[in-house]
Amino acid sequence: MEKLKLYLADIEDKEDGLLRLSLVKHPATGCGWEVLSVGNKYVRVFAPIIVSNKPIYRKDEHLGEYNLLFLPEVIKDIQTRTAIEHPRIKFDIEHNGKEVDGIVVVSSFIIDYSTDTLYSDYFGLPDGSWVMELLIPKNVYKVLDVKNNYTKIDVKNSHIKNNVKKTEKNMVNREIAGGSASDDFFGISISGIFTYNEVSLQEAIEIYNKIKE
């Protein structure tokens, strides 16, 4: 079986960064949100935004099939830049580009198991992952149940230069890690412009071995 190439996502140029978050069925990471409580107006969820050290299967016309990885230090940089440049994060549904109003970000932070005590294991998410607690209006939450276009992939502003790929890509795909197309679970999918840096086979092996430790 052919091993897939590994790319590390990064933000290197001024244009790089997160653009918006989308509420989707079947996020590409396979990591859905956890419902914490249901009130009269809102559903409160604990949602992974970017999961660290988790290879994400991707497939597109430029690079074919490959795995994409966000390292903890890069996730921290993305969160910091987002807080500065986009203090009010935009949300849509299934990457339809139509901004959804009423979603409240209760908290936004990077998991640090050495100091965090809010949750004992953060639902098994890796250290260094970016997570949020969100209040989602019930009328918005219900829309997710009837959407059926979650397999759509939309790539914009994409080009390859010197083996480095920059792309605004909706991180959602028919083939997902940790689930099948028949399983219904919901989560957050990101859209942004990132630099993709390919790593050698030996580097990829070292990264994967470190993740397993």
Protein backbone atom coordinates (compact mmCIF):
# COMPACT_ATOMS: atom_id res chain seq x y z
CA MET A 1 0.00 0.00 0.00
CA GLU A 2 1.44 3.37 -1.00
CA LYS A 3 2.21 5.66 1.91
CA LEU A 4 0.58 9.05 1.65
CA LYS A 5 2.71 12.17 1.62
CA LEU A 6 2.62 14.26 4.76
CA TYR A 7 2.25 18.04 4.76
CA LEU A 8 2.60 20.29 7.78
CA ALA A 9 0.20 23.22 7.85
CA ASP A 10 1.71 26.57 8.84
CA ILE A 11 1.12 30.31 8.72
CA GLU A 12 4.14 31.99 7.20
CA ASP A 13 2.87 34.98 5.22
CA LYS A 14 0.66 37.90 6.15
CA GLU A 15 -2.26 36.44 4.18
CA ASP A 16 -2.16 33.14 6.06
CA GLY A 17 -4.65 32.44 8.81
CA LEU A 18 -8.12 31.35 9.80
CA LEU A 19 -11.03 32.97 7.97
CA ARG A 20 -14.14 31.39 9.47
CA LEU A 21 -15.58 28.34 11.19
CA SER A 22 -18.30 26.13 9.80
CA LEU A 23 -20.80 23.91 11.59
CA VAL A 24 -20.78 20.62 9.71
CA LYS A 25 -21.72 16.99 9.72
CA HIS A 26 -18.67 14.74 9.67
CA PRO A 27 -15.68 17.08 10.18
CA ALA A 28 -12.60 15.75 8.40
CA THR A 29 -10.75 15.13 11.66
CA GLY A 30 -13.41 12.70 12.80
CA CYS A 31 -13.63 14.68 16.04
CA GLY A 32 -17.13 15.94 16.68
CA TRP A 33 -18.29 18.26 19.41
CA GLU A 34 -19.69 17.10 22.75
CA VAL A 35 -23.05 18.44 23.87
CA LEU A 36 -22.65 19.73 27.43
CA SER A 37 -26.19 20.95 28.03
CA VAL A 38 -29.41 21.93 26.30
CA GLY A 39 -31.30 25.03 27.41
CA ASN A 40 -34.41 26.83 26.28
CA LYS A 41 -32.60 28.84 23.58
CA TYR A 42 -29.13 27.34 23.21
CA VAL A 43 -27.26 24.09 22.89
CA ARG A 44 -23.94 24.31 24.74
CA VAL A 45 -21.14 22.31 23.12
CA PHE A 46 -17.46 21.63 23.65
CA ALA A 47 -15.96 21.78 20.15
CA PRO A 48 -12.51 20.92 18.78
CA ILE A 49 -11.42 23.70 16.39
CA ILE A 50 -8.01 22.42 15.28
CA VAL A 51 -6.81 19.04 16.59
CA SER A 52 -3.06 18.79 17.12
CA ASN A 53 -0.84 15.96 15.94
CA LYS A 54 -3.67 14.19 14.11
CA PRO A 55 -3.10 13.29 10.44
CA ILE A 56 -6.09 14.47 8.41
CA TYR A 57 -6.75 12.67 5.16
CA ARG A 58 -7.09 15.07 2.24
CA LYS A 59 -7.61 14.69 -1.48
CA ASP A 60 -7.55 17.47 -4.08
CA GLU A 61 -6.71 18.09 -7.71
CA HIS A 62 -3.34 19.68 -6.96
CA LEU A 63 -1.72 17.27 -4.49
CA GLY A 64 -3.80 14.14 -4.89
CA GLU A 65 -4.15 12.10 -1.70
CA TYR A 66 -2.14 13.13 1.34
CA ASN A 67 -2.23 13.67 5.08
CA LEU A 68 -2.23 17.11 6.66
CA LEU A 69 -0.96 17.79 10.16
CA PHE A 70 -1.21 20.78 12.49
CA LEU A 71 1.56 20.87 15.10
CA PRO A 72 0.79 22.38 18.55
CA GLU A 73 3.06 25.41 18.08
CA VAL A 74 1.39 26.23 14.75
CA ILE A 75 -2.07 25.92 16.28
CA LYS A 76 -1.03 28.38 18.98
CA ASP A 77 0.16 30.82 16.30
CA ILE A 78 -3.13 30.46 14.41
CA GLN A 79 -5.16 31.09 17.56
CA THR A 80 -3.07 34.14 18.44
CA ARG A 81 -3.31 35.65 14.95
CA THR A 82 -7.04 34.98 14.83
CA ALA A 83 -7.57 36.76 18.15
CA ILE A 84 -5.72 39.82 16.82
CA GLU A 85 -7.06 39.98 13.27
CA HIS A 86 -10.53 38.43 13.70
CA PRO A 87 -11.65 39.03 17.29
CA ARG A 88 -15.20 38.32 16.14
CA ILE A 89 -15.10 34.89 14.54
CA LYS A 90 -17.53 34.27 11.69
CA PHE A 91 -19.59 31.09 11.48
CA ASP A 92 -21.54 29.48 8.66
CA ILE A 93 -23.16 26.09 8.01
CA GLU A 94 -21.60 23.46 5.76
CA HIS A 95 -19.29 26.08 4.23
CA ASN A 96 -22.18 27.79 2.46
CA GLY A 97 -20.61 31.23 3.00
CA LYS A 98 -23.75 32.62 4.66
CA GLU A 99 -22.84 34.00 8.05
CA VAL A 100 -24.84 32.64 10.96
CA ASP A 101 -25.74 35.05 13.74
CA GLY A 102 -26.27 34.26 17.38
CA ILE A 103 -23.45 31.78 18.08
CA VAL A 104 -21.69 32.74 21.28
CA VAL A 105 -18.06 31.84 22.01
CA VAL A 106 -18.06 31.16 25.76
CA SER A 107 -14.38 30.27 25.90
CA SER A 108 -11.51 29.63 23.48
CA PHE A 109 -8.26 28.04 24.56
CA ILE A 110 -5.42 25.64 23.82
CA ILE A 111 -5.48 22.38 25.78
CA ASP A 112 -2.58 22.13 28.22
CA TYR A 113 -2.80 18.99 30.33
CA SER A 114 -0.02 20.20 32.61
CA THR A 115 -2.17 23.03 33.96
CA ASP A 116 -5.80 22.56 32.88
CA THR A 117 -8.29 21.12 35.36
CA LEU A 118 -11.64 22.00 33.77
CA TYR A 119 -12.01 18.56 32.18
CA SER A 120 -10.07 15.49 33.18
CA ASP A 121 -9.24 14.36 29.65
CA TYR A 122 -10.92 16.88 27.32
CA PHE A 123 -12.77 13.98 25.69
CA GLY A 124 -9.49 12.40 24.63
CA LEU A 125 -8.23 15.30 22.51
CA PRO A 126 -4.45 15.65 22.12
CA ASP A 127 -2.46 18.19 24.09
CA GLY A 128 -2.06 21.43 22.17
CA SER A 129 -5.46 21.25 20.43
CA TRP A 130 -7.51 24.43 20.05
CA VAL A 131 -11.00 24.07 21.48
CA MET A 132 -14.02 26.25 22.19
CA GLU A 133 -17.15 26.17 24.27
CA LEU A 134 -20.01 27.47 22.15
CA LEU A 135 -23.63 28.38 22.65
CA ILE A 136 -25.46 27.47 19.46
CA PRO A 137 -29.02 28.76 19.03
CA LYS A 138 -31.49 25.92 18.86
CA ASN A 139 -32.88 27.10 15.53
CA VAL A 140 -29.35 26.92 14.07
CA TYR A 141 -28.67 23.52 15.60
CA LYS A 142 -31.83 22.11 14.05
CA VAL A 143 -30.75 23.23 10.58
CA LEU A 144 -27.76 20.88 10.77
CA ASP A 145 -30.04 17.88 10.98
CA VAL A 146 -31.65 18.55 7.60
CA LYS A 147 -28.53 19.58 5.67
CA ASN A 148 -27.32 16.96 3.22
CA ASN A 149 -24.48 18.70 1.39
CA TYR A 150 -21.74 17.96 3.89
CA THR A 151 -19.63 16.07 1.33
CA LYS A 152 -19.05 19.18 -0.76
CA ILE A 153 -15.47 20.36 -1.10
CA ASP A 154 -14.84 23.94 -2.10
CA VAL A 155 -11.32 25.11 -2.84
CA LYS A 156 -10.55 28.76 -3.45
CA ASN A 157 -7.44 30.85 -4.04
CA SER A 158 -5.33 27.73 -4.41
CA HIS A 159 -1.92 27.57 -6.02
CA ILE A 160 1.36 25.70 -5.70
CA LYS A 161 4.75 27.38 -5.72
CA ASN A 162 8.15 25.87 -4.92
CA ASN A 163 6.52 22.75 -3.48
CA VAL A 164 4.64 24.86 -0.96
CA LYS A 165 0.91 24.99 -1.23
CA LYS A 166 -1.27 27.84 -0.09
CA THR A 167 -4.97 27.21 -0.11
CA GLU A 168 -8.20 28.38 1.32
CA LYS A 169 -9.83 25.05 1.82
CA ASN A 170 -12.92 23.93 3.62
CA MET A 171 -11.67 21.19 5.90
CA VAL A 172 -14.46 18.74 5.21
CA ASN A 173 -14.35 15.58 3.13
CA ARG A 174 -16.44 12.53 2.25
CA GLU A 175 -13.67 10.24 3.52
CA ILE A 176 -13.13 10.98 7.20
CA ALA A 177 -10.89 9.70 9.93
CA GLY A 178 -12.58 7.82 12.72
CA GLY A 179 -16.04 7.43 11.21
CA SER A 180 -18.05 6.41 8.20
CA ALA A 181 -20.37 8.35 5.92
CA SER A 182 -23.36 6.71 7.58
CA ASP A 183 -22.48 7.93 11.08
CA ASP A 184 -24.10 11.18 12.11
CA PHE A 185 -21.96 13.43 14.23
CA PHE A 186 -21.41 17.16 14.17
CA GLY A 187 -18.44 19.42 14.66
CA ILE A 188 -16.44 22.40 13.49
CA SER A 189 -14.64 22.60 10.15
CA ILE A 190 -12.18 25.40 9.45
CA SER A 191 -11.65 27.60 6.41
CA GLY A 192 -8.43 29.52 6.04
CA ILE A 193 -5.30 30.18 4.03
CA PHE A 194 -2.36 28.07 5.12
CA THR A 195 1.08 27.17 3.85
CA TYR A 196 1.57 23.44 3.26
CA ASN A 197 5.16 22.22 3.73
CA GLU A 198 5.93 18.70 2.54
CA VAL A 199 8.16 16.63 4.79
CA SER A 200 10.44 13.79 3.76
CA LEU A 201 9.58 10.17 4.49
CA GLN A 202 12.15 10.01 7.29
CA GLU A 203 10.82 13.22 8.84
CA ALA A 204 7.28 11.88 8.57
CA ILE A 205 8.30 8.65 10.35
CA GLU A 206 9.94 10.65 13.12
CA ILE A 207 6.85 12.83 13.52
CA TYR A 208 4.51 9.83 13.63
CA ASN A 209 6.72 8.06 16.17
CA LYS A 210 6.77 11.15 18.37
CA ILE A 211 2.98 11.40 18.21
CA LYS A 212 2.68 7.79 19.43
CA GLU A 213 4.83 8.45 22.50
